[in-house]
Amino acid sequence: MNQPPPQSSDKPGSSKKEKPEVGIGAIVGLSLFLGLMAGAAVDKSHILPVTLICAIILYCNRHKIATQDTSVHAKRCTIPTQHYAWPELNQFPVTISAVPYQSAIQQLAQENPIDPKESNATSKRFFQALLVPVNDNPYDDNVIRVDIGDRTVGYLSYDQARSFRRKLDNHHLDNQITTCTAALIEHDETQPGQTVRYGIKLGIELPD
């Protein structure tokens, strides 16, 4: 009695995940390069043996090399997407130094227009700001940069940054990026004595 042929457990259209590996061309090229280096350093008679030995070693370990390369690449490309968010205050007691960043803030304001019906002398737009500790400044190790989106809109002052660093330490968030609500302030240019049109205020409390 004829038995039906064994059926494959793979479903139609399914494909097994292939192991990453280094290509043959890359192996040959690298082996030849190492052989030429050995020949230049020692003797030309070493080129062929060194090339063959390197090719065999690389070929036998091609899966391991490729796996290590992809894991390192993935580690380098990992970017944290969530940060600690400071509680909402519904007020903005911290004004940052934004004078050198008027152009960046103006672009942010233009990309986020407010209701033209508002006739207040001072108009506000609200954003999520990133508070970024800057640890590579050779003159001050307490610097805190303020970013909104992909733009830097200012820095905390010297005293503000020192207070904020203490706040981070108190919450066990040392050197971590955190977020808070920020208000973009647009002043009426017709106000007497008004020299800065745009400002940034942060909805965080700083310890004394």
N, C-alpha and C. Protein backbone atom coordinates (compact mmCIF):
# COMPACT_ATOMS: atom_id res chain seq x y z
N MET A 1 0.85 -1.20 0.00
CA MET A 1 0.00 0.00 0.00
C MET A 1 0.88 1.24 0.00
N ASN A 2 0.62 2.08 -0.97
CA ASN A 2 1.45 3.27 -1.08
C ASN A 2 1.10 4.28 0.00
N GLN A 3 2.11 4.84 0.61
CA GLN A 3 1.89 5.87 1.62
C GLN A 3 2.10 7.24 0.99
N PRO A 4 1.29 8.21 1.40
CA PRO A 4 1.47 9.56 0.84
C PRO A 4 2.81 10.13 1.25
N PRO A 5 3.42 10.91 0.39
CA PRO A 5 4.72 11.50 0.73
C PRO A 5 4.59 12.44 1.92
N PRO A 6 5.61 12.49 2.76
CA PRO A 6 5.54 13.37 3.93
C PRO A 6 5.39 14.81 3.51
N GLN A 7 4.51 15.51 4.22
CA GLN A 7 4.24 16.90 3.91
C GLN A 7 5.19 17.79 4.69
N SER A 8 5.60 18.83 4.03
CA SER A 8 6.50 19.78 4.69
C SER A 8 5.72 20.57 5.72
N SER A 9 6.35 20.84 6.85
CA SER A 9 5.71 21.61 7.92
C SER A 9 5.66 23.09 7.61
N ASP A 10 6.44 23.51 6.59
CA ASP A 10 6.46 24.93 6.25
C ASP A 10 5.20 25.28 5.48
N LYS A 11 4.60 26.39 5.83
CA LYS A 11 3.42 26.86 5.14
C LYS A 11 3.81 27.48 3.81
N PRO A 12 2.91 27.38 2.81
CA PRO A 12 3.23 28.00 1.52
C PRO A 12 3.46 29.49 1.70
N GLY A 13 4.49 29.95 1.02
CA GLY A 13 4.78 31.38 1.07
C GLY A 13 5.62 31.79 2.25
N SER A 14 5.82 30.83 3.22
CA SER A 14 6.63 31.20 4.38
C SER A 14 8.09 31.00 4.05
N SER A 15 8.93 31.78 4.64
CA SER A 15 10.36 31.68 4.39
C SER A 15 11.08 31.65 5.72
N LYS A 16 12.07 30.76 5.81
CA LYS A 16 12.84 30.67 7.04
C LYS A 16 13.79 31.85 7.13
N LYS A 17 14.01 32.28 8.35
CA LYS A 17 14.91 33.41 8.57
C LYS A 17 16.34 32.96 8.35
N GLU A 18 17.00 33.56 7.39
CA GLU A 18 18.36 33.18 7.07
C GLU A 18 19.34 33.83 8.05
N LYS A 19 20.41 33.08 8.35
CA LYS A 19 21.43 33.61 9.22
C LYS A 19 22.25 34.66 8.47
N PRO A 20 22.59 35.74 9.12
CA PRO A 20 23.44 36.72 8.45
C PRO A 20 24.83 36.15 8.23
N GLU A 21 25.45 36.49 7.12
CA GLU A 21 26.79 36.00 6.85
C GLU A 21 27.55 37.02 6.03
N VAL A 22 28.88 36.90 6.08
CA VAL A 22 29.75 37.77 5.30
C VAL A 22 29.85 37.21 3.89
N GLY A 23 29.75 38.07 2.89
CA GLY A 23 29.79 37.62 1.50
C GLY A 23 31.15 37.07 1.10
N ILE A 24 31.14 36.18 0.09
CA ILE A 24 32.38 35.57 -0.39
C ILE A 24 33.33 36.63 -0.93
N GLY A 25 32.77 37.61 -1.64
CA GLY A 25 33.62 38.66 -2.19
C GLY A 25 34.36 39.42 -1.11
N ALA A 26 33.66 39.70 0.00
CA ALA A 26 34.30 40.41 1.11
C ALA A 26 35.40 39.56 1.74
N ILE A 27 35.14 38.24 1.85
CA ILE A 27 36.15 37.34 2.42
C ILE A 27 37.39 37.30 1.55
N VAL A 28 37.20 37.15 0.23
CA VAL A 28 38.34 37.09 -0.70
C VAL A 28 39.12 38.40 -0.67
N GLY A 29 38.40 39.52 -0.70
CA GLY A 29 39.07 40.81 -0.70
C GLY A 29 39.89 41.05 0.55
N LEU A 30 39.29 40.74 1.71
CA LEU A 30 39.99 40.95 2.97
C LEU A 30 41.18 40.01 3.11
N SER A 31 41.00 38.75 2.68
CA SER A 31 42.09 37.77 2.75
C SER A 31 43.26 38.20 1.88
N LEU A 32 42.96 38.65 0.66
CA LEU A 32 44.02 39.09 -0.24
C LEU A 32 44.74 40.31 0.32
N PHE A 33 43.98 41.21 0.92
CA PHE A 33 44.59 42.39 1.52
C PHE A 33 45.56 42.00 2.64
N LEU A 34 45.12 41.08 3.51
CA LEU A 34 45.99 40.63 4.60
C LEU A 34 47.22 39.91 4.07
N GLY A 35 47.02 39.12 2.99
CA GLY A 35 48.16 38.43 2.39
C GLY A 35 49.17 39.39 1.81
N LEU A 36 48.69 40.42 1.13
CA LEU A 36 49.60 41.43 0.57
C LEU A 36 50.33 42.18 1.67
N MET A 37 49.63 42.46 2.77
CA MET A 37 50.28 43.14 3.89
C MET A 37 51.39 42.28 4.47
N ALA A 38 51.11 40.97 4.60
CA ALA A 38 52.14 40.06 5.13
C ALA A 38 53.32 39.97 4.17
N GLY A 39 53.03 39.93 2.86
CA GLY A 39 54.11 39.87 1.88
C GLY A 39 54.97 41.11 1.89
N ALA A 40 54.34 42.27 2.06
CA ALA A 40 55.10 43.51 2.10
C ALA A 40 55.94 43.62 3.36
N ALA A 41 55.42 43.06 4.46
CA ALA A 41 56.13 43.18 5.73
C ALA A 41 57.23 42.13 5.89
N VAL A 42 57.00 40.91 5.35
CA VAL A 42 57.96 39.82 5.57
C VAL A 42 58.64 39.42 4.25
N ASP A 43 57.86 38.72 3.40
CA ASP A 43 58.42 38.24 2.13
C ASP A 43 57.27 37.92 1.19
N LYS A 44 57.49 38.08 -0.11
CA LYS A 44 56.44 37.84 -1.09
C LYS A 44 55.96 36.39 -1.07
N SER A 45 56.81 35.48 -0.63
CA SER A 45 56.41 34.07 -0.60
C SER A 45 55.32 33.79 0.42
N HIS A 46 55.08 34.75 1.32
CA HIS A 46 54.05 34.57 2.35
C HIS A 46 52.66 35.00 1.87
N ILE A 47 52.59 35.63 0.71
CA ILE A 47 51.30 36.19 0.27
C ILE A 47 50.25 35.10 0.11
N LEU A 48 50.57 34.05 -0.66
CA LEU A 48 49.59 33.00 -0.94
C LEU A 48 49.20 32.22 0.32
N PRO A 49 50.17 31.74 1.14
CA PRO A 49 49.77 31.00 2.35
C PRO A 49 48.91 31.83 3.30
N VAL A 50 49.31 33.08 3.52
CA VAL A 50 48.55 33.93 4.44
C VAL A 50 47.15 34.19 3.89
N THR A 51 47.06 34.42 2.58
CA THR A 51 45.75 34.66 1.96
C THR A 51 44.84 33.46 2.14
N LEU A 52 45.36 32.25 1.89
CA LEU A 52 44.55 31.04 2.02
C LEU A 52 44.12 30.81 3.46
N ILE A 53 45.04 30.99 4.40
CA ILE A 53 44.72 30.77 5.82
C ILE A 53 43.64 31.76 6.27
N CYS A 54 43.80 33.03 5.90
CA CYS A 54 42.81 34.04 6.29
C CYS A 54 41.45 33.74 5.67
N ALA A 55 41.45 33.30 4.41
CA ALA A 55 40.19 33.00 3.74
C ALA A 55 39.47 31.86 4.44
N ILE A 56 40.21 30.82 4.83
CA ILE A 56 39.60 29.67 5.52
C ILE A 56 39.02 30.10 6.87
N ILE A 57 39.79 30.88 7.62
CA ILE A 57 39.33 31.33 8.94
C ILE A 57 38.08 32.21 8.81
N LEU A 58 38.12 33.15 7.88
CA LEU A 58 36.98 34.05 7.71
C LEU A 58 35.75 33.30 7.21
N TYR A 59 35.95 32.33 6.31
CA TYR A 59 34.81 31.58 5.78
C TYR A 59 34.16 30.74 6.87
N CYS A 60 34.97 30.10 7.71
CA CYS A 60 34.42 29.25 8.78
C CYS A 60 33.70 30.07 9.85
N ASN A 61 34.05 31.34 9.98
CA ASN A 61 33.45 32.18 11.03
C ASN A 61 32.56 33.28 10.45
N ARG A 62 32.12 33.11 9.20
CA ARG A 62 31.38 34.18 8.53
C ARG A 62 30.06 34.50 9.22
N HIS A 63 29.37 33.48 9.77
CA HIS A 63 28.10 33.72 10.45
C HIS A 63 28.32 34.51 11.75
N LYS A 64 29.34 34.11 12.50
CA LYS A 64 29.62 34.77 13.78
C LYS A 64 30.03 36.22 13.56
N ILE A 65 30.86 36.46 12.54
CA ILE A 65 31.31 37.83 12.26
C ILE A 65 30.14 38.71 11.88
N ALA A 66 29.25 38.19 11.02
CA ALA A 66 28.10 38.98 10.57
C ALA A 66 27.15 39.26 11.73
N THR A 67 26.95 38.27 12.61
CA THR A 67 26.06 38.46 13.76
C THR A 67 26.59 39.53 14.69
N GLN A 68 27.90 39.51 14.95
CA GLN A 68 28.50 40.52 15.81
C GLN A 68 28.38 41.89 15.20
N ASP A 69 28.56 41.98 13.89
CA ASP A 69 28.49 43.28 13.21
C ASP A 69 27.10 43.87 13.30
N THR A 70 26.07 43.03 13.07
CA THR A 70 24.70 43.54 13.10
C THR A 70 24.28 43.91 14.51
N SER A 71 24.76 43.16 15.52
CA SER A 71 24.40 43.48 16.90
C SER A 71 25.03 44.79 17.33
N VAL A 72 26.29 45.03 16.91
CA VAL A 72 26.94 46.29 17.24
C VAL A 72 26.24 47.45 16.56
N HIS A 73 25.85 47.25 15.29
CA HIS A 73 25.15 48.31 14.57
C HIS A 73 23.82 48.64 15.24
N ALA A 74 23.10 47.60 15.67
CA ALA A 74 21.82 47.83 16.33
C ALA A 74 22.01 48.58 17.63
N LYS A 75 23.09 48.25 18.36
CA LYS A 75 23.35 48.92 19.63
C LYS A 75 23.65 50.39 19.41
N ARG A 76 24.42 50.70 18.35
CA ARG A 76 24.77 52.09 18.09
C ARG A 76 23.55 52.90 17.67
N CYS A 77 22.60 52.26 16.99
CA CYS A 77 21.46 52.98 16.45
C CYS A 77 20.31 53.08 17.43
N THR A 78 20.44 52.47 18.62
CA THR A 78 19.36 52.51 19.58
C THR A 78 19.26 53.92 20.18
N ILE A 79 18.12 54.54 20.00
CA ILE A 79 17.90 55.89 20.51
C ILE A 79 16.71 55.86 21.47
N PRO A 80 16.90 56.29 22.71
CA PRO A 80 15.77 56.28 23.63
C PRO A 80 14.67 57.21 23.15
N THR A 81 13.44 56.72 23.18
CA THR A 81 12.31 57.51 22.70
C THR A 81 11.44 58.04 23.83
N GLN A 82 11.66 57.57 25.06
CA GLN A 82 10.87 58.03 26.18
C GLN A 82 11.79 58.62 27.24
N HIS A 83 11.37 59.74 27.78
CA HIS A 83 12.14 60.41 28.82
C HIS A 83 11.20 60.74 29.98
N TYR A 84 11.79 60.94 31.13
CA TYR A 84 10.99 61.32 32.29
C TYR A 84 10.38 62.70 32.04
N ALA A 85 9.07 62.81 32.27
CA ALA A 85 8.36 64.08 32.07
C ALA A 85 8.05 64.70 33.43
N TRP A 86 8.48 65.93 33.62
CA TRP A 86 8.18 66.63 34.87
C TRP A 86 6.69 66.94 34.95
N PRO A 87 6.11 66.89 36.14
CA PRO A 87 4.66 67.12 36.29
C PRO A 87 4.24 68.48 35.76
N GLU A 88 3.02 68.52 35.23
CA GLU A 88 2.46 69.78 34.72
C GLU A 88 2.23 70.75 35.87
N LEU A 89 2.61 72.01 35.66
CA LEU A 89 2.42 73.04 36.68
C LEU A 89 1.29 74.01 36.33
N ASN A 90 0.95 74.05 35.04
CA ASN A 90 -0.01 75.05 34.54
C ASN A 90 0.50 76.47 34.75
N GLN A 91 1.78 76.60 34.93
CA GLN A 91 2.43 77.90 34.99
C GLN A 91 3.87 77.72 34.51
N PHE A 92 4.52 78.83 34.19
CA PHE A 92 5.84 78.76 33.56
C PHE A 92 6.79 79.72 34.26
N PRO A 93 7.34 79.28 35.41
CA PRO A 93 8.14 80.19 36.22
C PRO A 93 9.58 80.39 35.75
N VAL A 94 10.06 79.55 34.84
CA VAL A 94 11.47 79.61 34.44
C VAL A 94 11.59 80.20 33.04
N THR A 95 12.24 81.34 32.93
CA THR A 95 12.51 81.97 31.64
C THR A 95 13.95 81.69 31.26
N ILE A 96 14.17 81.10 30.09
CA ILE A 96 15.53 80.75 29.69
C ILE A 96 16.14 81.85 28.82
N SER A 97 17.45 81.78 28.68
CA SER A 97 18.15 82.74 27.84
C SER A 97 17.98 82.33 26.38
N ALA A 98 17.19 83.11 25.63
CA ALA A 98 16.87 82.74 24.25
C ALA A 98 17.27 83.82 23.25
N VAL A 99 18.01 84.82 23.69
CA VAL A 99 18.36 85.93 22.80
C VAL A 99 19.15 85.45 21.57
N PRO A 100 20.17 84.57 21.73
CA PRO A 100 20.92 84.15 20.54
C PRO A 100 20.14 83.22 19.61
N TYR A 101 18.95 82.79 20.02
CA TYR A 101 18.21 81.78 19.25
C TYR A 101 16.89 82.33 18.71
N GLN A 102 16.85 83.64 18.48
CA GLN A 102 15.63 84.25 17.98
C GLN A 102 15.22 83.70 16.61
N SER A 103 16.19 83.42 15.76
CA SER A 103 15.88 82.91 14.43
C SER A 103 15.23 81.53 14.50
N ALA A 104 15.79 80.64 15.34
CA ALA A 104 15.23 79.29 15.47
C ALA A 104 13.83 79.34 16.08
N ILE A 105 13.64 80.20 17.08
CA ILE A 105 12.33 80.31 17.72
C ILE A 105 11.32 80.93 16.76
N GLN A 106 11.77 81.87 15.95
CA GLN A 106 10.87 82.48 14.96
C GLN A 106 10.39 81.44 13.96
N GLN A 107 11.28 80.56 13.49
CA GLN A 107 10.87 79.50 12.58
C GLN A 107 9.86 78.58 13.24
N LEU A 108 10.08 78.28 14.52
CA LEU A 108 9.15 77.43 15.26
C LEU A 108 7.79 78.10 15.36
N ALA A 109 7.78 79.41 15.59
CA ALA A 109 6.52 80.15 15.69
C ALA A 109 5.80 80.18 14.35
N GLN A 110 6.56 80.35 13.27
CA GLN A 110 5.94 80.41 11.94
C GLN A 110 5.35 79.06 11.53
N GLU A 111 5.97 77.98 11.98
CA GLU A 111 5.46 76.65 11.66
C GLU A 111 4.24 76.28 12.50
N ASN A 112 4.00 77.03 13.57
CA ASN A 112 2.87 76.75 14.46
C ASN A 112 2.11 78.05 14.71
N PRO A 113 1.38 78.53 13.70
CA PRO A 113 0.68 79.81 13.84
C PRO A 113 -0.43 79.73 14.88
N ILE A 114 -0.71 80.86 15.50
CA ILE A 114 -1.78 80.94 16.49
C ILE A 114 -3.03 81.49 15.82
N ASP A 115 -4.13 81.43 16.55
CA ASP A 115 -5.40 81.92 16.04
C ASP A 115 -5.30 83.43 15.82
N PRO A 116 -5.52 83.90 14.59
CA PRO A 116 -5.39 85.35 14.34
C PRO A 116 -6.43 86.19 15.09
N LYS A 117 -7.47 85.54 15.63
CA LYS A 117 -8.49 86.28 16.36
C LYS A 117 -7.99 86.75 17.72
N GLU A 118 -6.90 86.11 18.20
CA GLU A 118 -6.36 86.53 19.49
C GLU A 118 -5.71 87.89 19.34
N SER A 119 -6.07 88.79 20.22
CA SER A 119 -5.57 90.17 20.13
C SER A 119 -4.73 90.56 21.33
N ASN A 120 -4.28 89.54 22.10
CA ASN A 120 -3.46 89.85 23.27
C ASN A 120 -2.11 90.41 22.84
N ALA A 121 -1.55 91.27 23.67
CA ALA A 121 -0.23 91.82 23.36
C ALA A 121 0.83 90.74 23.38
N THR A 122 0.62 89.69 24.20
CA THR A 122 1.56 88.58 24.28
C THR A 122 0.82 87.29 23.96
N SER A 123 1.26 86.58 22.92
CA SER A 123 0.63 85.34 22.50
C SER A 123 1.52 84.16 22.87
N LYS A 124 0.90 83.02 23.19
CA LYS A 124 1.65 81.85 23.63
C LYS A 124 1.35 80.64 22.75
N ARG A 125 2.38 79.83 22.54
CA ARG A 125 2.25 78.52 21.93
C ARG A 125 2.89 77.53 22.89
N PHE A 126 2.39 76.31 22.94
CA PHE A 126 2.87 75.35 23.92
C PHE A 126 3.50 74.14 23.22
N PHE A 127 4.63 73.69 23.77
CA PHE A 127 5.39 72.60 23.19
C PHE A 127 5.93 71.70 24.30
N GLN A 128 6.44 70.55 23.89
CA GLN A 128 7.20 69.71 24.80
C GLN A 128 8.68 70.01 24.58
N ALA A 129 9.37 70.39 25.63
CA ALA A 129 10.78 70.73 25.54
C ALA A 129 11.63 69.61 26.12
N LEU A 130 12.79 69.39 25.51
CA LEU A 130 13.78 68.46 26.03
C LEU A 130 14.82 69.25 26.82
N LEU A 131 15.09 68.81 28.03
CA LEU A 131 16.12 69.42 28.87
C LEU A 131 17.33 68.49 28.84
N VAL A 132 18.36 68.91 28.14
CA VAL A 132 19.48 68.02 27.80
C VAL A 132 20.72 68.42 28.58
N PRO A 133 21.21 67.57 29.51
CA PRO A 133 22.48 67.87 30.18
C PRO A 133 23.64 67.80 29.19
N VAL A 134 24.48 68.81 29.21
CA VAL A 134 25.66 68.87 28.34
C VAL A 134 26.88 68.64 29.22
N ASN A 135 27.53 67.50 29.04
CA ASN A 135 28.61 67.12 29.94
C ASN A 135 30.01 67.28 29.34
N ASP A 136 30.10 67.78 28.11
CA ASP A 136 31.40 67.90 27.47
C ASP A 136 31.86 69.35 27.36
N ASN A 137 31.24 70.24 28.13
CA ASN A 137 31.66 71.64 28.12
C ASN A 137 32.88 71.79 29.04
N PRO A 138 34.03 72.22 28.51
CA PRO A 138 35.25 72.27 29.33
C PRO A 138 35.22 73.37 30.38
N TYR A 139 34.29 74.31 30.28
CA TYR A 139 34.26 75.44 31.20
C TYR A 139 33.18 75.33 32.27
N ASP A 140 32.16 74.51 32.02
CA ASP A 140 31.06 74.40 32.97
C ASP A 140 30.42 73.02 32.81
N ASP A 141 30.43 72.22 33.86
CA ASP A 141 29.87 70.86 33.77
C ASP A 141 28.42 70.80 34.22
N ASN A 142 27.76 71.96 34.33
CA ASN A 142 26.35 71.98 34.74
C ASN A 142 25.42 72.46 33.62
N VAL A 143 25.93 72.59 32.42
CA VAL A 143 25.16 73.19 31.32
C VAL A 143 23.92 72.34 31.01
N ILE A 144 22.80 73.02 30.78
CA ILE A 144 21.54 72.37 30.38
C ILE A 144 21.03 73.06 29.12
N ARG A 145 20.92 72.29 28.05
CA ARG A 145 20.41 72.82 26.77
C ARG A 145 18.92 72.54 26.67
N VAL A 146 18.20 73.45 26.03
CA VAL A 146 16.76 73.30 25.86
C VAL A 146 16.47 73.14 24.37
N ASP A 147 15.88 72.01 24.00
CA ASP A 147 15.52 71.74 22.61
C ASP A 147 14.01 71.60 22.49
N ILE A 148 13.48 72.08 21.38
CA ILE A 148 12.09 71.83 21.01
C ILE A 148 12.11 71.24 19.60
N GLY A 149 11.63 70.02 19.48
CA GLY A 149 11.76 69.33 18.20
C GLY A 149 13.22 69.10 17.89
N ASP A 150 13.65 69.49 16.70
CA ASP A 150 15.05 69.33 16.32
C ASP A 150 15.82 70.64 16.41
N ARG A 151 15.30 71.59 17.18
CA ARG A 151 15.95 72.90 17.29
C ARG A 151 16.36 73.19 18.73
N THR A 152 17.53 73.78 18.88
CA THR A 152 17.93 74.32 20.18
C THR A 152 17.36 75.73 20.29
N VAL A 153 16.64 75.98 21.39
CA VAL A 153 15.98 77.28 21.55
C VAL A 153 16.56 78.08 22.71
N GLY A 154 17.57 77.55 23.38
CA GLY A 154 18.19 78.30 24.46
C GLY A 154 18.86 77.39 25.47
N TYR A 155 19.38 78.01 26.52
CA TYR A 155 20.04 77.31 27.61
C TYR A 155 19.55 77.87 28.94
N LEU A 156 19.59 77.04 29.97
CA LEU A 156 19.35 77.56 31.31
C LEU A 156 20.53 78.44 31.70
N SER A 157 20.25 79.46 32.49
CA SER A 157 21.33 80.31 32.98
C SER A 157 22.22 79.50 33.93
N TYR A 158 23.33 80.10 34.33
CA TYR A 158 24.28 79.40 35.21
C TYR A 158 23.60 78.94 36.50
N ASP A 159 22.89 79.85 37.16
CA ASP A 159 22.23 79.51 38.42
C ASP A 159 21.08 78.52 38.19
N GLN A 160 20.32 78.72 37.10
CA GLN A 160 19.22 77.80 36.80
C GLN A 160 19.75 76.38 36.56
N ALA A 161 20.85 76.28 35.82
CA ALA A 161 21.41 74.97 35.51
C ALA A 161 21.90 74.25 36.76
N ARG A 162 22.54 74.98 37.67
CA ARG A 162 23.00 74.37 38.93
C ARG A 162 21.81 73.86 39.74
N SER A 163 20.75 74.65 39.80
CA SER A 163 19.55 74.23 40.53
C SER A 163 18.91 73.01 39.87
N PHE A 164 18.86 73.03 38.55
CA PHE A 164 18.23 71.92 37.84
C PHE A 164 19.05 70.64 37.99
N ARG A 165 20.37 70.75 38.02
CA ARG A 165 21.20 69.57 38.25
C ARG A 165 20.91 68.97 39.62
N ARG A 166 20.70 69.82 40.62
CA ARG A 166 20.33 69.30 41.95
C ARG A 166 18.98 68.61 41.89
N LYS A 167 18.07 69.16 41.11
CA LYS A 167 16.75 68.55 40.96
C LYS A 167 16.88 67.16 40.32
N LEU A 168 17.74 67.04 39.32
CA LEU A 168 17.97 65.73 38.70
C LEU A 168 18.54 64.74 39.72
N ASP A 169 19.51 65.19 40.50
CA ASP A 169 20.11 64.31 41.50
C ASP A 169 19.07 63.86 42.52
N ASN A 170 18.21 64.77 42.94
CA ASN A 170 17.19 64.43 43.95
C ASN A 170 16.20 63.39 43.44
N HIS A 171 16.01 63.35 42.12
CA HIS A 171 15.07 62.39 41.53
C HIS A 171 15.80 61.20 40.91
N HIS A 172 17.09 61.05 41.21
CA HIS A 172 17.90 59.95 40.67
C HIS A 172 17.86 59.94 39.14
N LEU A 173 17.97 61.12 38.56
CA LEU A 173 17.94 61.27 37.10
C LEU A 173 19.22 61.95 36.60
N ASP A 174 20.30 61.74 37.32
CA ASP A 174 21.55 62.41 36.99
C ASP A 174 21.95 62.15 35.54
N ASN A 175 22.22 63.24 34.80
CA ASN A 175 22.68 63.20 33.41
C ASN A 175 21.64 62.65 32.43
N GLN A 176 20.40 62.53 32.84
CA GLN A 176 19.37 62.02 31.94
C GLN A 176 18.60 63.17 31.29
N ILE A 177 18.17 62.93 30.06
CA ILE A 177 17.31 63.89 29.36
C ILE A 177 15.90 63.78 29.94
N THR A 178 15.31 64.91 30.26
CA THR A 178 13.94 64.94 30.77
C THR A 178 13.13 65.93 29.93
N THR A 179 11.81 65.92 30.13
CA THR A 179 10.95 66.80 29.34
C THR A 179 10.05 67.62 30.25
N CYS A 180 9.59 68.73 29.72
CA CYS A 180 8.61 69.55 30.42
C CYS A 180 7.83 70.35 29.38
N THR A 181 6.74 70.95 29.81
CA THR A 181 5.97 71.81 28.92
C THR A 181 6.67 73.16 28.80
N ALA A 182 6.72 73.67 27.59
CA ALA A 182 7.34 74.97 27.35
C ALA A 182 6.34 75.88 26.65
N ALA A 183 6.41 77.14 26.97
CA ALA A 183 5.56 78.15 26.33
C ALA A 183 6.44 79.06 25.49
N LEU A 184 6.09 79.17 24.22
CA LEU A 184 6.77 80.11 23.33
C LEU A 184 6.01 81.43 23.40
N ILE A 185 6.70 82.45 23.85
CA ILE A 185 6.08 83.76 24.03
C ILE A 185 6.43 84.66 22.85
N GLU A 186 5.43 85.23 22.24
CA GLU A 186 5.66 86.19 21.16
C GLU A 186 5.16 87.55 21.61
N HIS A 187 6.09 88.48 21.75
CA HIS A 187 5.75 89.82 22.22
C HIS A 187 5.36 90.70 21.05
N ASP A 188 4.50 91.63 21.33
CA ASP A 188 4.10 92.61 20.32
C ASP A 188 5.26 93.57 20.09
N GLU A 189 5.67 93.68 18.83
CA GLU A 189 6.83 94.53 18.51
C GLU A 189 6.56 96.01 18.80
N THR A 190 5.29 96.37 18.95
CA THR A 190 4.98 97.78 19.17
C THR A 190 5.07 98.17 20.64
N GLN A 191 5.34 97.17 21.53
CA GLN A 191 5.44 97.50 22.95
C GLN A 191 6.66 98.38 23.20
N PRO A 192 6.52 99.44 23.99
CA PRO A 192 7.66 100.33 24.27
C PRO A 192 8.78 99.58 24.99
N GLY A 193 10.00 99.76 24.52
CA GLY A 193 11.15 99.15 25.17
C GLY A 193 11.32 97.67 24.90
N GLN A 194 10.50 97.09 24.02
CA GLN A 194 10.59 95.66 23.74
C GLN A 194 11.67 95.42 22.69
N THR A 195 12.75 94.73 23.10
CA THR A 195 13.87 94.48 22.18
C THR A 195 13.93 93.02 21.73
N VAL A 196 13.35 92.11 22.48
CA VAL A 196 13.34 90.69 22.13
C VAL A 196 11.91 90.27 21.81
N ARG A 197 11.69 89.78 20.61
CA ARG A 197 10.33 89.46 20.21
C ARG A 197 9.87 88.11 20.76
N TYR A 198 10.78 87.12 20.79
CA TYR A 198 10.39 85.76 21.18
C TYR A 198 11.09 85.35 22.47
N GLY A 199 10.38 84.60 23.28
CA GLY A 199 10.95 84.07 24.52
C GLY A 199 10.44 82.67 24.78
N ILE A 200 11.14 81.94 25.64
CA ILE A 200 10.76 80.58 26.02
C ILE A 200 10.67 80.51 27.54
N LYS A 201 9.53 80.03 28.03
CA LYS A 201 9.33 79.81 29.46
C LYS A 201 9.06 78.32 29.69
N LEU A 202 9.58 77.79 30.79
CA LEU A 202 9.46 76.36 31.09
C LEU A 202 8.55 76.13 32.28
N GLY A 203 7.76 75.07 32.18
CA GLY A 203 6.85 74.71 33.25
C GLY A 203 7.48 73.76 34.25
N ILE A 204 8.55 74.19 34.90
CA ILE A 204 9.22 73.39 35.92
C ILE A 204 9.53 74.27 37.12
N GLU A 205 9.69 73.64 38.26
CA GLU A 205 10.11 74.34 39.47
C GLU A 205 11.57 74.00 39.74
N LEU A 206 12.34 74.99 40.14
CA LEU A 206 13.74 74.79 40.46
C LEU A 206 13.95 74.96 41.96
N PRO A 207 14.75 74.08 42.57
CA PRO A 207 15.01 74.23 44.01
C PRO A 207 15.86 75.46 44.28
N ASP A 208 15.70 76.01 45.46
CA ASP A 208 16.48 77.19 45.84
C ASP A 208 17.94 76.83 46.07
